[in-house]
């Protein structure tokens, strides 16, 4: 039968291990909370960019229709560049979101 001294010695040896585990566990919870917050921010940015892209495409379509009605050639390097940038950002955010969902 183990004596009370043996029990205290065993608990004493586990004390630093338990404290280390608790510290690591708390750090993991904090990291998880930060990742969740970042994921929510990225999802919001993604929705915003998709909305900007939709608006840009709508504006581009209206501009093209007006331009056709006026029989002038339509040249829109600015709009094309904006759409390309938004698409790039959306793809990058989608990749980040996929990574965060797997992590």
PDB file of N, CA and C in Angstrom:
ATOM      1  N   UNK A   1       0.824  -1.170   0.000  1.00  0.00           N
ATOM      2  CA  UNK A   1       0.000   0.000   0.000  1.00  0.00           C
ATOM      3  C   UNK A   1       0.880   1.250   0.000  1.00  0.00           C
ATOM      4  N   UNK A   2       0.635   2.148  -0.917  1.00  0.00           N
ATOM      5  CA  UNK A   2       1.473   3.336  -0.951  1.00  0.00           C
ATOM      6  C   UNK A   2       1.155   4.254   0.215  1.00  0.00           C
ATOM      7  N   UNK A   3       2.170   4.806   0.770  1.00  0.00           N
ATOM      8  CA  UNK A   3       1.973   5.728   1.887  1.00  0.00           C
ATOM      9  C   UNK A   3       1.584   7.104   1.371  1.00  0.00           C
ATOM     10  N   UNK A   4       1.166   7.961   2.295  1.00  0.00           N
ATOM     11  CA  UNK A   4       0.758   9.305   1.898  1.00  0.00           C
ATOM     12  C   UNK A   4       1.950  10.090   1.356  1.00  0.00           C
ATOM     13  N   UNK A   5       3.155   9.777   1.811  1.00  0.00           N
ATOM     14  CA  UNK A   5       4.349  10.448   1.292  1.00  0.00           C
ATOM     15  C   UNK A   5       4.566  10.081  -0.175  1.00  0.00           C
ATOM     16  N   UNK A   6       4.311   8.798  -0.518  1.00  0.00           N
ATOM     17  CA  UNK A   6       4.461   8.362  -1.906  1.00  0.00           C
ATOM     18  C   UNK A   6       3.447   9.070  -2.805  1.00  0.00           C
ATOM     19  N   UNK A   7       2.218   9.234  -2.313  1.00  0.00           N
ATOM     20  CA  UNK A   7       1.181   9.918  -3.085  1.00  0.00           C
ATOM     21  C   UNK A   7       1.552  11.378  -3.307  1.00  0.00           C
ATOM     22  N   UNK A   8       2.027  12.042  -2.279  1.00  0.00           N
ATOM     23  CA  UNK A   8       2.416  13.446  -2.406  1.00  0.00           C
ATOM     24  C   UNK A   8       3.597  13.592  -3.368  1.00  0.00           C
ATOM     25  N   UNK A   9       4.524  12.652  -3.321  1.00  0.00           N
ATOM     26  CA  UNK A   9       5.671  12.690  -4.236  1.00  0.00           C
ATOM     27  C   UNK A   9       5.220  12.526  -5.671  1.00  0.00           C
ATOM     28  N   UNK A  10       4.258  11.646  -5.922  1.00  0.00           N
ATOM     29  CA  UNK A  10       3.747  11.429  -7.277  1.00  0.00           C
ATOM     30  C   UNK A  10       3.003  12.665  -7.768  1.00  0.00           C
ATOM     31  N   UNK A  11       2.195  13.271  -6.875  1.00  0.00           N
ATOM     32  CA  UNK A  11       1.475  14.482  -7.258  1.00  0.00           C
ATOM     33  C   UNK A  11       2.449  15.630  -7.494  1.00  0.00           C
ATOM     34  N   UNK A  12       3.459  15.720  -6.718  1.00  0.00           N
ATOM     35  CA  UNK A  12       4.460  16.773  -6.870  1.00  0.00           C
ATOM     36  C   UNK A  12       5.160  16.668  -8.210  1.00  0.00           C
ATOM     37  N   UNK A  13       5.427  15.465  -8.641  1.00  0.00           N
ATOM     38  CA  UNK A  13       6.093  15.266  -9.932  1.00  0.00           C
ATOM     39  C   UNK A  13       5.155  15.618 -11.088  1.00  0.00           C
ATOM     40  N   UNK A  14       3.862  15.383 -10.920  1.00  0.00           N
ATOM     41  CA  UNK A  14       2.893  15.674 -11.976  1.00  0.00           C
ATOM     42  C   UNK A  14       2.470  17.135 -12.001  1.00  0.00           C
ATOM     43  N   UNK A  15       2.713  17.851 -10.913  1.00  0.00           N
ATOM     44  CA  UNK A  15       2.306  19.253 -10.833  1.00  0.00           C
ATOM     45  C   UNK A  15       2.825  20.090 -11.989  1.00  0.00           C
ATOM     46  N   UNK A  16       4.133  20.085 -12.253  1.00  0.00           N
ATOM     47  CA  UNK A  16       4.647  20.878 -13.374  1.00  0.00           C
ATOM     48  C   UNK A  16       4.091  20.399 -14.728  1.00  0.00           C
ATOM     49  N   UNK A  17       3.870  19.114 -14.855  1.00  0.00           N
ATOM     50  CA  UNK A  17       3.323  18.578 -16.107  1.00  0.00           C
ATOM     51  C   UNK A  17       1.903  19.076 -16.313  1.00  0.00           C
ATOM     52  N   UNK A  18       1.103  19.043 -15.258  1.00  0.00           N
ATOM     53  CA  UNK A  18      -0.284  19.508 -15.348  1.00  0.00           C
ATOM     54  C   UNK A  18      -0.313  21.012 -15.640  1.00  0.00           C
ATOM     55  N   UNK A  19       0.538  21.763 -14.959  1.00  0.00           N
ATOM     56  CA  UNK A  19       0.584  23.209 -15.192  1.00  0.00           C
ATOM     57  C   UNK A  19       1.000  23.508 -16.631  1.00  0.00           C
ATOM     58  N   UNK A  20       1.980  22.757 -17.139  1.00  0.00           N
ATOM     59  CA  UNK A  20       2.420  22.943 -18.532  1.00  0.00           C
ATOM     60  C   UNK A  20       1.287  22.602 -19.500  1.00  0.00           C
ATOM     61  N   UNK A  21       0.579  21.503 -19.211  1.00  0.00           N
ATOM     62  CA  UNK A  21      -0.542  21.112 -20.056  1.00  0.00           C
ATOM     63  C   UNK A  21      -1.626  22.194 -20.056  1.00  0.00           C
ATOM     64  N   UNK A  22      -1.951  22.717 -18.873  1.00  0.00           N
ATOM     65  CA  UNK A  22      -2.972  23.761 -18.775  1.00  0.00           C
ATOM     66  C   UNK A  22      -2.550  25.009 -19.541  1.00  0.00           C
ATOM     67  N   UNK A  23      -1.280  25.375 -19.455  1.00  0.00           N
ATOM     68  CA  UNK A  23      -0.773  26.548 -20.158  1.00  0.00           C
ATOM     69  C   UNK A  23      -0.889  26.334 -21.674  1.00  0.00           C
ATOM     70  N   UNK A  24      -0.464  25.179 -22.150  1.00  0.00           N
ATOM     71  CA  UNK A  24      -0.545  24.876 -23.586  1.00  0.00           C
ATOM     72  C   UNK A  24      -2.005  24.838 -24.030  1.00  0.00           C
ATOM     73  N   UNK A  25      -2.866  24.264 -23.213  1.00  0.00           N
ATOM     74  CA  UNK A  25      -4.285  24.169 -23.545  1.00  0.00           C
ATOM     75  C   UNK A  25      -4.903  25.566 -23.672  1.00  0.00           C
ATOM     76  N   UNK A  26      -4.578  26.444 -22.741  1.00  0.00           N
ATOM     77  CA  UNK A  26      -5.095  27.819 -22.785  1.00  0.00           C
ATOM     78  C   UNK A  26      -4.570  28.531 -24.028  1.00  0.00           C
ATOM     79  N   UNK A  27      -3.295  28.337 -24.360  1.00  0.00           N
ATOM     80  CA  UNK A  27      -2.737  28.950 -25.572  1.00  0.00           C
ATOM     81  C   UNK A  27      -3.446  28.443 -26.822  1.00  0.00           C
ATOM     82  N   UNK A  28      -3.739  27.157 -26.849  1.00  0.00           N
ATOM     83  CA  UNK A  28      -4.460  26.590 -27.988  1.00  0.00           C
ATOM     84  C   UNK A  28      -5.867  27.167 -28.107  1.00  0.00           C
ATOM     85  N   UNK A  29      -6.545  27.310 -26.988  1.00  0.00           N
ATOM     86  CA  UNK A  29      -7.884  27.908 -27.006  1.00  0.00           C
ATOM     87  C   UNK A  29      -7.831  29.349 -27.502  1.00  0.00           C
ATOM     88  N   UNK A  30      -6.830  30.090 -27.058  1.00  0.00           N
ATOM     89  CA  UNK A  30      -6.687  31.471 -27.511  1.00  0.00           C
ATOM     90  C   UNK A  30      -6.390  31.531 -29.005  1.00  0.00           C
ATOM     91  N   UNK A  31      -5.519  30.646 -29.473  1.00  0.00           N
ATOM     92  CA  UNK A  31      -5.207  30.590 -30.905  1.00  0.00           C
ATOM     93  C   UNK A  31      -6.448  30.240 -31.709  1.00  0.00           C
ATOM     94  N   UNK A  32      -7.208  29.287 -31.199  1.00  0.00           N
ATOM     95  CA  UNK A  32      -8.436  28.888 -31.884  1.00  0.00           C
ATOM     96  C   UNK A  32      -9.406  30.063 -31.971  1.00  0.00           C
ATOM     97  N   UNK A  33      -9.538  30.807 -30.886  1.00  0.00           N
ATOM     98  CA  UNK A  33     -10.434  31.963 -30.875  1.00  0.00           C
ATOM     99  C   UNK A  33      -9.961  33.017 -31.878  1.00  0.00           C
ATOM    100  N   UNK A  34      -8.646  33.231 -31.948  1.00  0.00           N
ATOM    101  CA  UNK A  34      -8.109  34.195 -32.923  1.00  0.00           C
ATOM    102  C   UNK A  34      -8.394  33.726 -34.349  1.00  0.00           C
ATOM    103  N   UNK A  35      -8.206  32.427 -34.611  1.00  0.00           N
ATOM    104  CA  UNK A  35      -8.466  31.892 -35.950  1.00  0.00           C
ATOM    105  C   UNK A  35      -9.946  32.000 -36.308  1.00  0.00           C
ATOM    106  N   UNK A  36     -10.805  31.740 -35.346  1.00  0.00           N
ATOM    107  CA  UNK A  36     -12.241  31.865 -35.596  1.00  0.00           C
ATOM    108  C   UNK A  36     -12.594  33.311 -35.946  1.00  0.00           C
ATOM    109  N   UNK A  37     -12.030  34.249 -35.195  1.00  0.00           N
ATOM    110  CA  UNK A  37     -12.290  35.664 -35.440  1.00  0.00           C
ATOM    111  C   UNK A  37     -11.774  36.053 -36.824  1.00  0.00           C
ATOM    112  N   UNK A  38     -10.566  35.599 -37.167  1.00  0.00           N
ATOM    113  CA  UNK A  38      -9.986  35.908 -38.473  1.00  0.00           C
ATOM    114  C   UNK A  38     -10.821  35.277 -39.591  1.00  0.00           C
ATOM    115  N   UNK A  39     -11.318  34.073 -39.361  1.00  0.00           N
ATOM    116  CA  UNK A  39     -12.159  33.407 -40.360  1.00  0.00           C
ATOM    117  C   UNK A  39     -13.429  34.206 -40.603  1.00  0.00           C
ATOM    118  N   UNK A  40     -14.041  34.692 -39.540  1.00  0.00           N
ATOM    119  CA  UNK A  40     -15.246  35.513 -39.688  1.00  0.00           C
ATOM    120  C   UNK A  40     -14.946  36.803 -40.455  1.00  0.00           C
ATOM    121  N   UNK A  41     -13.795  37.424 -40.157  1.00  0.00           N
ATOM    122  CA  UNK A  41     -13.417  38.634 -40.872  1.00  0.00           C
ATOM    123  C   UNK A  41     -13.206  38.336 -42.364  1.00  0.00           C
ATOM    124  N   UNK A  42     -12.535  37.223 -42.659  1.00  0.00           N
ATOM    125  CA  UNK A  42     -12.289  36.857 -44.056  1.00  0.00           C
ATOM    126  C   UNK A  42     -13.589  36.535 -44.784  1.00  0.00           C
ATOM    127  N   UNK A  43     -14.502  35.875 -44.090  1.00  0.00           N
ATOM    128  CA  UNK A  43     -15.791  35.581 -44.715  1.00  0.00           C
ATOM    129  C   UNK A  43     -16.536  36.870 -45.047  1.00  0.00           C
ATOM    130  N   UNK A  44     -16.479  37.852 -44.142  1.00  0.00           N
ATOM    131  CA  UNK A  44     -17.133  39.141 -44.392  1.00  0.00           C
ATOM    132  C   UNK A  44     -16.463  39.862 -45.558  1.00  0.00           C
ATOM    133  N   UNK A  45     -15.128  39.855 -45.582  1.00  0.00           N
ATOM    134  CA  UNK A  45     -14.416  40.487 -46.691  1.00  0.00           C
ATOM    135  C   UNK A  45     -14.769  39.800 -48.003  1.00  0.00           C
ATOM    136  N   UNK A  46     -14.871  38.491 -47.970  1.00  0.00           N
ATOM    137  CA  UNK A  46     -15.218  37.735 -49.165  1.00  0.00           C
ATOM    138  C   UNK A  46     -16.607  38.132 -49.666  1.00  0.00           C
ATOM    139  N   UNK A  47     -17.572  38.233 -48.752  1.00  0.00           N
ATOM    140  CA  UNK A  47     -18.925  38.657 -49.142  1.00  0.00           C
ATOM    141  C   UNK A  47     -18.896  40.071 -49.724  1.00  0.00           C
ATOM    142  N   UNK A  48     -18.123  40.956 -49.081  1.00  0.00           N
ATOM    143  CA  UNK A  48     -18.030  42.338 -49.562  1.00  0.00           C
ATOM    144  C   UNK A  48     -17.423  42.393 -50.957  1.00  0.00           C
ATOM    145  N   UNK A  49     -16.362  41.623 -51.173  1.00  0.00           N
ATOM    146  CA  UNK A  49     -15.718  41.621 -52.484  1.00  0.00           C
ATOM    147  C   UNK A  49     -16.627  41.026 -53.556  1.00  0.00           C
ATOM    148  N   UNK A  50     -17.352  39.985 -53.197  1.00  0.00           N
ATOM    149  CA  UNK A  50     -18.288  39.399 -54.158  1.00  0.00           C
ATOM    150  C   UNK A  50     -19.384  40.410 -54.526  1.00  0.00           C
ATOM    151  N   UNK A  51     -19.827  41.174 -53.545  1.00  0.00           N
ATOM    152  CA  UNK A  51     -20.835  42.198 -53.808  1.00  0.00           C
ATOM    153  C   UNK A  51     -20.248  43.298 -54.699  1.00  0.00           C
ATOM    154  N   UNK A  52     -19.016  43.702 -54.425  1.00  0.00           N
ATOM    155  CA  UNK A  52     -18.358  44.694 -55.280  1.00  0.00           C
ATOM    156  C   UNK A  52     -18.209  44.180 -56.707  1.00  0.00           C
ATOM    157  N   UNK A  53     -17.873  42.911 -56.823  1.00  0.00           N
ATOM    158  CA  UNK A  53     -17.742  42.320 -58.154  1.00  0.00           C
ATOM    159  C   UNK A  53     -19.088  42.314 -58.872  1.00  0.00           C
ATOM    160  N   UNK A  54     -20.138  41.955 -58.160  1.00  0.00           N
ATOM    161  CA  UNK A  54     -21.478  41.950 -58.762  1.00  0.00           C
ATOM    162  C   UNK A  54     -21.853  43.356 -59.220  1.00  0.00           C
ATOM    163  N   UNK A  55     -21.606  44.340 -58.364  1.00  0.00           N
ATOM    164  CA  UNK A  55     -21.913  45.729 -58.714  1.00  0.00           C
ATOM    165  C   UNK A  55     -21.084  46.171 -59.914  1.00  0.00           C
ATOM    166  N   UNK A  56     -19.816  45.799 -59.895  1.00  0.00           N
ATOM    167  CA  UNK A  56     -18.933  46.167 -61.001  1.00  0.00           C
ATOM    168  C   UNK A  56     -19.410  45.556 -62.311  1.00  0.00           C
ATOM    169  N   UNK A  57     -19.816  44.292 -62.264  1.00  0.00           N
ATOM    170  CA  UNK A  57     -20.310  43.636 -63.473  1.00  0.00           C
ATOM    171  C   UNK A  57     -21.602  44.297 -63.944  1.00  0.00           C
ATOM    172  N   UNK A  58     -22.463  44.653 -63.008  1.00  0.00           N
ATOM    173  CA  UNK A  58     -23.712  45.329 -63.363  1.00  0.00           C
ATOM    174  C   UNK A  58     -23.406  46.671 -64.004  1.00  0.00           C
ATOM    175  N   UNK A  59     -22.496  47.411 -63.389  1.00  0.00           N
ATOM    176  CA  UNK A  59     -22.099  48.713 -63.926  1.00  0.00           C
ATOM    177  C   UNK A  59     -21.472  48.546 -65.306  1.00  0.00           C
ATOM    178  N   UNK A  60     -20.652  47.525 -65.458  1.00  0.00           N
ATOM    179  CA  UNK A  60     -20.010  47.253 -66.740  1.00  0.00           C
ATOM    180  C   UNK A  60     -21.052  46.927 -67.805  1.00  0.00           C
ATOM    181  N   UNK A  61     -22.046  46.132 -67.462  1.00  0.00           N
ATOM    182  CA  UNK A  61     -23.102  45.786 -68.414  1.00  0.00           C
ATOM    183  C   UNK A  61     -23.917  47.017 -68.811  1.00  0.00           C
ATOM    184  N   UNK A  62     -24.253  47.853 -67.841  1.00  0.00           N
ATOM    185  CA  UNK A  62     -25.013  49.071 -68.128  1.00  0.00           C
ATOM    186  C   UNK A  62     -24.176  49.989 -69.012  1.00  0.00           C
ATOM    187  N   UNK A  63     -22.900  50.130 -68.692  1.00  0.00           N
ATOM    188  CA  UNK A  63     -22.021  50.984 -69.493  1.00  0.00           C
ATOM    189  C   UNK A  63     -21.914  50.461 -70.919  1.00  0.00           C
ATOM    190  N   UNK A  64     -21.814  49.164 -71.062  1.00  0.00           N
ATOM    191  CA  UNK A  64     -21.707  48.567 -72.388  1.00  0.00           C
ATOM    192  C   UNK A  64     -22.986  48.797 -73.181  1.00  0.00           C
ATOM    193  N   UNK A  65     -24.134  48.647 -72.550  1.00  0.00           N
ATOM    194  CA  UNK A  65     -25.408  48.859 -73.235  1.00  0.00           C
ATOM    195  C   UNK A  65     -25.559  50.312 -73.660  1.00  0.00           C
ATOM    196  N   UNK A  66     -25.222  51.235 -72.785  1.00  0.00           N
ATOM    197  CA  UNK A  66     -25.309  52.661 -73.113  1.00  0.00           C
ATOM    198  C   UNK A  66     -24.359  52.965 -74.262  1.00  0.00           C
ATOM    199  N   UNK A  67     -23.169  52.416 -74.184  1.00  0.00           N
ATOM    200  CA  UNK A  67     -22.172  52.653 -75.213  1.00  0.00           C
ATOM    201  C   UNK A  67     -22.631  52.105 -76.568  1.00  0.00           C
ATOM    202  N   UNK A  68     -23.237  50.942 -76.581  1.00  0.00           N
ATOM    203  CA  UNK A  68     -23.740  50.359 -77.824  1.00  0.00           C
ATOM    204  C   UNK A  68     -24.855  51.224 -78.396  1.00  0.00           C
ATOM    205  N   UNK A  69     -25.680  51.760 -77.522  1.00  0.00           N
ATOM    206  CA  UNK A  69     -26.760  52.623 -77.972  1.00  0.00           C
ATOM    207  C   UNK A  69     -26.229  53.906 -78.608  1.00  0.00           C
ATOM    208  N   UNK A  70     -25.083  54.355 -78.158  1.00  0.00           N
ATOM    209  CA  UNK A  70     -24.484  55.577 -78.704  1.00  0.00           C
ATOM    210  C   UNK A  70     -23.592  55.275 -79.905  1.00  0.00           C
ATOM    211  N   UNK A  71     -23.430  54.000 -80.229  1.00  0.00           N
ATOM    212  CA  UNK A  71     -22.623  53.557 -81.372  1.00  0.00           C
ATOM    213  C   UNK A  71     -21.161  53.968 -81.228  1.00  0.00           C
ATOM    214  N   UNK A  72     -20.655  53.974 -80.005  1.00  0.00           N
ATOM    215  CA  UNK A  72     -19.248  54.266 -79.760  1.00  0.00           C
ATOM    216  C   UNK A  72     -18.580  52.997 -79.267  1.00  0.00           C
ATOM    217  N   UNK A  73     -17.340  52.799 -79.625  1.00  0.00           N
ATOM    218  CA  UNK A  73     -16.645  51.624 -79.096  1.00  0.00           C
ATOM    219  C   UNK A  73     -16.435  51.770 -77.590  1.00  0.00           C
ATOM    220  N   UNK A  74     -16.578  50.671 -76.877  1.00  0.00           N
ATOM    221  CA  UNK A  74     -16.453  50.700 -75.415  1.00  0.00           C
ATOM    222  C   UNK A  74     -15.078  50.189 -75.020  1.00  0.00           C
ATOM    223  N   UNK A  75     -14.338  51.004 -74.345  1.00  0.00           N
ATOM    224  CA  UNK A  75     -13.007  50.626 -73.878  1.00  0.00           C
ATOM    225  C   UNK A  75     -12.987  50.829 -72.377  1.00  0.00           C
ATOM    226  N   UNK A  76     -12.801  49.751 -71.631  1.00  0.00           N
ATOM    227  CA  UNK A  76     -12.877  49.854 -70.173  1.00  0.00           C
ATOM    228  C   UNK A  76     -11.722  49.122 -69.509  1.00  0.00           C
ATOM    229  N   UNK A  77     -10.529  49.655 -69.637  1.00  0.00           N
ATOM    230  CA  UNK A  77      -9.374  49.043 -68.995  1.00  0.00           C
ATOM    231  C   UNK A  77      -9.479  49.137 -67.479  1.00  0.00           C
ATOM    232  N   UNK A  78     -10.045  50.236 -66.979  1.00  0.00           N
ATOM    233  CA  UNK A  78     -10.198  50.424 -65.537  1.00  0.00           C
ATOM    234  C   UNK A  78     -11.128  49.366 -64.941  1.00  0.00           C
ATOM    235  N   UNK A  79     -12.290  49.187 -65.568  1.00  0.00           N
ATOM    236  CA  UNK A  79     -13.256  48.208 -65.064  1.00  0.00           C
ATOM    237  C   UNK A  79     -12.706  46.794 -65.161  1.00  0.00           C
ATOM    238  N   UNK A  80     -12.024  46.487 -66.264  1.00  0.00           N
ATOM    239  CA  UNK A  80     -11.443  45.149 -66.417  1.00  0.00           C
ATOM    240  C   UNK A  80     -10.406  44.878 -65.331  1.00  0.00           C
ATOM    241  N   UNK A  81      -9.589  45.873 -65.046  1.00  0.00           N
ATOM    242  CA  UNK A  81      -8.567  45.730 -64.009  1.00  0.00           C
ATOM    243  C   UNK A  81      -9.209  45.567 -62.632  1.00  0.00           C
ATOM    244  N   UNK A  82     -10.243  46.337 -62.362  1.00  0.00           N
ATOM    245  CA  UNK A  82     -10.956  46.226 -61.088  1.00  0.00           C
ATOM    246  C   UNK A  82     -11.565  44.837 -60.923  1.00  0.00           C
ATOM    247  N   UNK A  83     -12.203  44.338 -61.948  1.00  0.00           N
ATOM    248  CA  UNK A  83     -12.804  43.002 -61.897  1.00  0.00           C
ATOM    249  C   UNK A  83     -11.725  41.951 -61.691  1.00  0.00           C
ATOM    250  N   UNK A  84     -10.594  42.093 -62.367  1.00  0.00           N
ATOM    251  CA  UNK A  84      -9.495  41.132 -62.224  1.00  0.00           C
ATOM    252  C   UNK A  84      -8.955  41.150 -60.787  1.00  0.00           C
ATOM    253  N   UNK A  85      -8.779  42.338 -60.218  1.00  0.00           N
ATOM    254  CA  UNK A  85      -8.286  42.446 -58.845  1.00  0.00           C
ATOM    255  C   UNK A  85      -9.269  41.831 -57.858  1.00  0.00           C
ATOM    256  N   UNK A  86     -10.527  42.125 -58.017  1.00  0.00           N
ATOM    257  CA  UNK A  86     -11.541  41.583 -57.104  1.00  0.00           C
ATOM    258  C   UNK A  86     -11.564  40.062 -57.204  1.00  0.00           C
ATOM    259  N   UNK A  87     -11.515  39.527 -58.414  1.00  0.00           N
ATOM    260  CA  UNK A  87     -11.482  38.071 -58.587  1.00  0.00           C
ATOM    261  C   UNK A  87     -10.272  37.458 -57.902  1.00  0.00           C
ATOM    262  N   UNK A  88      -9.129  38.115 -58.025  1.00  0.00           N
ATOM    263  CA  UNK A  88      -7.912  37.626 -57.378  1.00  0.00           C
ATOM    264  C   UNK A  88      -8.081  37.611 -55.863  1.00  0.00           C
ATOM    265  N   UNK A  89      -8.620  38.688 -55.301  1.00  0.00           N
ATOM    266  CA  UNK A  89      -8.832  38.756 -53.853  1.00  0.00           C
ATOM    267  C   UNK A  89      -9.816  37.681 -53.392  1.00  0.00           C
ATOM    268  N   UNK A  90     -10.867  37.486 -54.138  1.00  0.00           N
ATOM    269  CA  UNK A  90     -11.866  36.478 -53.769  1.00  0.00           C
ATOM    270  C   UNK A  90     -11.222  35.091 -53.759  1.00  0.00           C
ATOM    271  N   UNK A  91     -10.420  34.786 -54.763  1.00  0.00           N
ATOM    272  CA  UNK A  91      -9.746  33.480 -54.804  1.00  0.00           C
ATOM    273  C   UNK A  91      -8.821  33.302 -53.615  1.00  0.00           C
ATOM    274  N   UNK A  92      -8.047  34.353 -53.279  1.00  0.00           N
ATOM    275  CA  UNK A  92      -7.137  34.274 -52.141  1.00  0.00           C
ATOM    276  C   UNK A  92      -7.895  34.070 -50.833  1.00  0.00           C
ATOM    277  N   UNK A  93      -8.994  34.779 -50.667  1.00  0.00           N
ATOM    278  CA  UNK A  93      -9.790  34.626 -49.446  1.00  0.00           C
ATOM    279  C   UNK A  93     -10.408  33.240 -49.387  1.00  0.00           C
ATOM    280  N   UNK A  94     -10.901  32.727 -50.512  1.00  0.00           N
ATOM    281  CA  UNK A  94     -11.452  31.374 -50.540  1.00  0.00           C
ATOM    282  C   UNK A  94     -10.402  30.344 -50.140  1.00  0.00           C
ATOM    283  N   UNK A  95      -9.170  30.530 -50.600  1.00  0.00           N
ATOM    284  CA  UNK A  95      -8.084  29.609 -50.229  1.00  0.00           C
ATOM    285  C   UNK A  95      -7.819  29.688 -48.732  1.00  0.00           C
ATOM    286  N   UNK A  96      -7.781  30.903 -48.186  1.00  0.00           N
ATOM    287  CA  UNK A  96      -7.570  31.074 -46.738  1.00  0.00           C
ATOM    288  C   UNK A  96      -8.691  30.431 -45.936  1.00  0.00           C
ATOM    289  N   UNK A  97      -9.913  30.645 -46.371  1.00  0.00           N
ATOM    290  CA  UNK A  97     -11.059  30.066 -45.655  1.00  0.00           C
ATOM    291  C   UNK A  97     -11.006  28.539 -45.688  1.00  0.00           C
ATOM    292  N   UNK A  98     -10.633  27.983 -46.837  1.00  0.00           N
ATOM    293  CA  UNK A  98     -10.513  26.525 -46.934  1.00  0.00           C
ATOM    294  C   UNK A  98      -9.430  26.024 -45.984  1.00  0.00           C
ATOM    295  N   UNK A  99      -8.323  26.751 -45.886  1.00  0.00           N
ATOM    296  CA  UNK A  99      -7.253  26.359 -44.971  1.00  0.00           C
ATOM    297  C   UNK A  99      -7.722  26.419 -43.518  1.00  0.00           C
ATOM    298  N   UNK A 100      -8.385  27.521 -43.147  1.00  0.00           N
ATOM    299  CA  UNK A 100      -8.850  27.664 -41.768  1.00  0.00           C
ATOM    300  C   UNK A 100      -9.892  26.603 -41.419  1.00  0.00           C
ATOM    301  N   UNK A 101     -10.720  26.222 -42.373  1.00  0.00           N
ATOM    302  CA  UNK A 101     -11.730  25.191 -42.101  1.00  0.00           C
ATOM    303  C   UNK A 101     -11.063  23.836 -41.859  1.00  0.00           C
ATOM    304  N   UNK A 102      -9.954  23.565 -42.531  1.00  0.00           N
ATOM    305  CA  UNK A 102      -9.257  22.294 -42.352  1.00  0.00           C
ATOM    306  C   UNK A 102      -8.419  22.289 -41.087  1.00  0.00           C
ATOM    307  N   UNK A 103      -7.958  23.475 -40.650  1.00  0.00           N
ATOM    308  CA  UNK A 103      -7.082  23.542 -39.473  1.00  0.00           C
ATOM    309  C   UNK A 103      -7.834  23.356 -38.192  1.00  0.00           C
TER     310      UNK A 103
END
